[in-house]
Protein backbone atom coordinates (compact mmCIF):
# COMPACT_ATOMS: atom_id res chain seq x y z
CA MET A 1 58.30 77.83 -39.91
CA LYS A 2 57.84 75.42 -43.26
CA GLN A 3 56.56 75.54 -46.33
CA ILE A 4 53.91 73.12 -46.69
CA THR A 5 51.35 71.40 -49.18
CA VAL A 6 47.82 73.04 -50.23
CA ASP A 7 46.05 69.84 -48.23
CA ALA A 8 47.84 71.16 -44.79
CA VAL A 9 47.01 74.94 -45.44
CA CYS A 10 43.66 73.93 -45.22
CA ARG A 11 43.74 72.64 -42.04
CA SER A 12 45.13 75.15 -40.34
CA VAL A 13 43.94 79.04 -39.73
CA ARG A 14 46.09 81.09 -42.14
CA VAL A 15 46.63 84.78 -41.28
CA ALA A 16 48.21 87.41 -43.69
CA GLN A 17 49.64 91.47 -42.74
CA THR A 18 46.20 92.53 -42.88
CA THR A 19 44.68 90.38 -40.69
CA LEU A 20 47.61 90.64 -38.09
CA ASN A 21 47.04 94.30 -38.56
CA LEU A 22 43.65 93.72 -37.24
CA LEU A 23 44.80 92.26 -34.18
CA ARG A 24 47.31 95.31 -33.57
CA GLU A 25 44.35 97.29 -33.87
CA CYS A 26 41.86 95.79 -32.19
CA GLU A 27 41.97 91.89 -30.70
CA ARG A 28 38.24 91.90 -30.50
CA CYS A 29 37.45 92.63 -34.10
CA PHE A 30 40.68 90.13 -34.49
CA TRP A 31 38.55 87.13 -32.92
CA LEU A 32 35.64 88.14 -34.63
CA HIS A 33 36.97 88.24 -38.14
CA LEU A 34 38.38 84.72 -37.78
CA HIS A 35 35.08 83.55 -36.48
CA GLY A 36 32.98 84.89 -39.35
CA VAL A 37 32.19 88.37 -38.26
CA ARG A 38 33.57 90.56 -40.24
CA ARG A 39 34.20 94.71 -40.34
CA PRO A 40 32.44 96.16 -43.44
CA GLY A 41 34.82 95.78 -46.82
CA GLY A 42 37.59 93.21 -45.42
CA PRO A 43 39.91 92.77 -42.53
CA ALA A 44 40.68 96.32 -41.85
CA GLY A 45 37.36 97.88 -43.27
CA PRO A 46 36.29 99.53 -46.66
CA SER A 47 39.06 99.88 -49.56
CA PRO A 48 38.81 103.54 -51.30
CA THR A 49 38.09 102.19 -55.67
CA VAL A 50 40.60 105.07 -56.32
CA THR A 51 43.30 103.22 -54.38
CA ARG A 52 42.83 100.02 -56.07
CA GLY A 53 42.57 101.67 -59.20
CA LEU A 54 46.11 103.28 -58.03
CA ASP A 55 47.86 100.03 -57.24
CA THR A 56 46.68 98.01 -60.31
CA VAL A 57 48.20 100.79 -62.56
CA ILE A 58 51.67 101.57 -60.82
CA SER A 59 52.05 97.11 -60.83
CA HIS A 60 51.03 97.35 -64.31
CA TYR A 61 54.09 100.26 -64.73
CA CYS A 62 56.64 97.85 -62.65
CA ALA A 63 55.81 94.59 -64.34
CA PRO A 64 58.31 95.37 -67.44
CA TYR A 65 60.97 96.02 -65.11
CA HIS A 66 61.12 92.81 -63.25
CA ASP A 67 64.04 90.38 -63.59
CA GLN A 68 65.60 93.25 -65.13
CA ASP A 69 69.00 95.13 -64.68
CA ILE A 70 67.32 98.91 -64.63
CA LEU A 71 65.26 99.82 -62.16
CA PRO A 72 61.25 102.29 -63.08
CA PRO A 73 62.49 105.44 -63.72
CA LEU A 74 60.04 106.51 -60.65
CA LEU A 75 62.56 104.89 -58.67
CA ALA A 76 65.42 104.71 -60.28
CA HIS A 77 66.49 108.32 -58.79
CA HIS A 78 65.88 106.71 -55.40
CA LEU A 79 66.94 102.97 -55.16
CA ARG A 80 69.82 100.67 -56.30
CA GLY A 81 69.36 96.87 -57.04
CA ARG A 82 66.86 95.58 -59.39
CA LEU A 83 63.07 94.19 -59.41
CA VAL A 84 63.06 90.48 -58.81
CA THR A 85 59.68 88.21 -58.69
CA ALA A 86 59.76 86.67 -55.41
CA ARG A 87 57.66 83.31 -54.62
CA ILE A 88 56.97 83.19 -51.12
CA GLY A 89 54.98 80.99 -48.69
CA PRO A 90 52.21 79.58 -47.80
CA CYS A 91 53.98 78.82 -44.65
CA VAL A 92 53.36 77.63 -41.10
CA HIS A 93 54.41 78.63 -37.74
CA GLU A 94 55.03 75.22 -35.93
CA GLU A 95 54.73 77.10 -32.60
CA THR A 96 51.45 78.53 -32.96
CA GLY A 97 50.26 75.92 -35.77
CA LEU A 98 49.21 79.30 -38.05
CA THR A 99 49.41 79.70 -41.54
CA LEU A 100 51.20 82.88 -42.69
CA VAL A 101 50.11 83.67 -46.45
CA ASP A 102 50.86 87.05 -48.41
CA ARG A 103 52.02 88.25 -51.62
CA LEU A 104 54.35 91.35 -52.33
CA ASP A 105 53.97 93.97 -54.23
CA GLU A 106 57.13 94.01 -55.32
CA CYS A 107 60.75 92.38 -54.18
CA LEU A 108 64.16 94.27 -54.45
CA GLU A 109 67.20 92.34 -55.08
CA VAL A 110 70.46 94.56 -53.61
CA ASN A 111 74.05 93.93 -52.57
CA GLY A 112 74.29 90.61 -54.95
CA GLY A 113 71.76 88.22 -53.31
CA LEU A 114 69.51 89.99 -50.82
CA PHE A 115 66.14 90.45 -51.18
CA ALA A 116 64.24 93.31 -49.37
CA PRO A 117 60.27 93.90 -49.75
CA LEU A 118 59.05 96.60 -51.67
CA ASP A 119 55.30 97.93 -51.06
CA HIS A 120 53.96 100.93 -52.75
CA LYS A 121 51.55 103.46 -51.03
CA THR A 122 48.92 105.95 -52.03
CA ARG A 123 48.38 108.55 -50.07
CA GLY A 124 46.94 112.93 -49.41
CA SER A 125 49.76 113.99 -47.91
CA ALA A 126 54.11 113.27 -47.78
CA PRO A 127 54.59 110.72 -45.06
CA MET A 128 55.95 111.86 -41.77
CA GLY A 129 57.54 108.43 -40.87
CA VAL A 130 56.94 104.91 -40.93
CA CYS A 131 53.46 104.05 -39.25
CA ALA A 132 53.12 101.19 -37.00
CA ALA A 133 50.87 99.18 -39.92
CA ASP A 134 53.66 99.65 -42.64
CA GLN A 135 56.66 98.46 -39.97
CA LEU A 136 54.13 95.21 -39.57
CA GLN A 137 53.33 94.82 -42.81
CA LEU A 138 57.34 94.95 -44.13
CA ASP A 139 58.21 92.70 -40.62
CA ILE A 140 55.59 89.80 -42.58
CA TYR A 141 56.73 89.99 -45.73
CA THR A 142 60.33 89.50 -44.40
CA LEU A 143 59.44 86.30 -42.49
CA LEU A 144 58.05 85.19 -45.28
CA LEU A 145 60.99 86.03 -47.70
CA ALA A 146 63.66 84.25 -45.11
CA GLU A 147 61.05 81.07 -44.78
CA SER A 148 60.80 81.05 -48.30
CA GLY A 149 64.23 80.37 -48.69
CA TYR A 150 65.58 84.09 -49.74
CA SER A 151 68.56 85.80 -47.91
CA VAL A 152 67.03 89.11 -46.92
CA ALA A 153 68.39 92.63 -46.30
CA GLY A 154 67.59 93.44 -43.22
CA TYR A 155 65.10 96.05 -44.30
CA GLY A 156 62.13 97.08 -46.39
CA VAL A 157 61.31 99.45 -48.94
CA LEU A 158 58.32 101.74 -48.57
CA VAL A 159 57.21 104.15 -51.63
CA TYR A 160 54.54 106.63 -51.46
CA TYR A 161 52.73 108.42 -54.18
CA VAL A 162 51.10 111.44 -52.98
CA PRO A 163 49.40 113.68 -55.49
CA VAL A 164 50.60 117.63 -55.61
CA ASP A 165 49.06 120.47 -57.71
CA GLY A 166 49.55 120.90 -61.20
CA GLU A 167 47.90 120.96 -64.68
CA LEU A 168 46.15 117.70 -65.08
CA HIS A 169 45.78 118.27 -68.73
CA GLU A 170 49.57 117.58 -69.03
CA GLY A 171 49.05 114.43 -67.07
CA PHE A 172 48.48 113.65 -63.33
CA PRO A 173 51.11 114.82 -61.45
CA PHE A 174 52.49 113.38 -58.08
CA GLN A 175 55.85 113.18 -56.27
CA VAL A 176 57.12 109.88 -55.03
CA TYR A 177 58.61 109.32 -51.35
CA VAL A 178 60.77 106.49 -50.62
CA ARG A 179 61.25 105.49 -46.73
CA LYS A 180 63.30 102.81 -45.65
CA ALA A 181 62.58 100.85 -42.39
CA ASP A 182 64.66 98.00 -40.81
CA THR A 183 62.81 94.75 -40.51
CA ASP A 184 62.92 91.92 -37.91
CA ALA A 185 61.16 88.79 -38.44
CA GLU A 186 61.01 88.05 -34.85
CA ARG A 187 59.33 91.00 -34.48
CA ALA A 188 56.36 88.88 -37.34
CA ARG A 189 56.76 85.95 -34.58
CA ILE A 190 55.99 87.76 -31.81
CA TRP A 191 52.73 88.70 -33.28
CA LEU A 192 51.78 84.95 -34.43
CA ARG A 193 52.04 84.03 -30.81
CA ARG A 194 49.74 86.78 -29.97
CA ALA A 195 47.38 85.78 -33.02
CA ARG A 196 47.36 82.28 -31.35
CA ALA A 197 47.06 83.49 -27.67
CA VAL A 198 43.83 85.73 -28.81
CA LEU A 199 42.29 82.77 -31.23
CA ASP A 200 42.56 80.43 -28.55
CA LEU A 201 40.24 82.74 -25.94
CA PRO A 202 36.58 80.90 -25.70
CA ALA A 203 34.86 84.37 -26.10
CA PRO A 204 35.84 87.32 -28.00
CA PRO A 205 38.05 90.20 -25.74
CA GLU A 206 36.77 93.05 -24.67
CA ALA A 207 36.15 95.63 -26.85
CA SER A 208 38.96 98.05 -27.53
CA PRO A 209 38.18 102.12 -26.06
CA ASP A 210 40.44 102.45 -29.30
CA CYS A 211 38.83 101.05 -32.03
CA ALA A 212 36.31 102.95 -34.16
CA TYR A 213 34.48 99.60 -34.88
CA CYS A 214 33.47 98.61 -31.48
CA GLY A 215 32.88 102.31 -30.51
CA TRP A 216 30.63 102.43 -33.43
CA ALA A 217 28.70 98.86 -32.48
CA LEU A 218 28.52 99.68 -28.71
CA TYR A 219 27.29 102.98 -29.09
CA GLY A 220 26.57 104.82 -32.16
CA ALA A 221 24.23 102.08 -33.45
CA ALA A 222 21.44 103.17 -30.86
CA ALA A 223 21.77 106.96 -32.62
CA VAL A 224 20.54 105.59 -36.02
CA ASP A 225 18.58 102.90 -37.34
CA VAL A 226 20.29 100.44 -37.70
CA VAL A 227 19.73 98.37 -34.14
CA PRO A 228 18.52 94.79 -35.96
CA ALA A 229 21.33 94.38 -37.83
CA VAL A 230 23.66 95.04 -34.93
CA GLU A 231 21.24 92.65 -32.84
CA ALA A 232 21.57 90.24 -35.48
CA MET A 233 26.02 90.25 -34.96
CA SER A 234 25.01 89.83 -30.83
CA ASN A 235 23.43 87.01 -31.83
CA LYS A 236 25.96 85.09 -33.99
CA ILE A 237 28.61 86.33 -31.52
CA GLU A 238 26.37 84.47 -28.59
CA ALA A 239 26.08 81.27 -30.86
CA LEU A 240 29.70 80.99 -31.75
CA VAL A 241 30.72 80.60 -27.97
CA ARG A 242 27.84 78.76 -26.78
């Protein structure tokens, strides 16, 4: 991969971890998304406003600690290193011609010059492990860091913020869980190759039996009064593949 100019980016198909995770979920939804037929709310579906609000609060909390020699108190008991501002991408994957773009929540500098992506997650319960979506996200970030000239640490960090019982009038109570996951830039490249192969198909792939969106479009629409909207979407898809 190589970093490129803005003009070159405009001539290439742009993908990010959200669109590649869409591919992981459903090839048909991915193909349609990049041909202008999108799920409601963005690549992966609707995003709860409370989650976006919490992400903003967490980002503002961490910002004063960037490029300092101390970590935010919420992280200092779990991690070593320091938060830095990493400038990544956009980068072109020369084999596929796809442009990879994204931004990190945070970047952790460790061991005197190695860099690891750090991502904040809000959820309703303690994590049991690192899910496939989060693993792909960290692999993508690792690839972008490496291609942007950073020496990568070979792992990423997920910080989960989970609400717990407590006295709300004393502040919103939550528990912080930190998980590390090994990362591999080559796994991210494999997904870029798969993305190119799906995009090169002349028509959208078959609907995935595991995709709730495709299942609703195929089987659920007849049960409610949305048939005209579904028919309009079908007409748009037919126009794309003519």
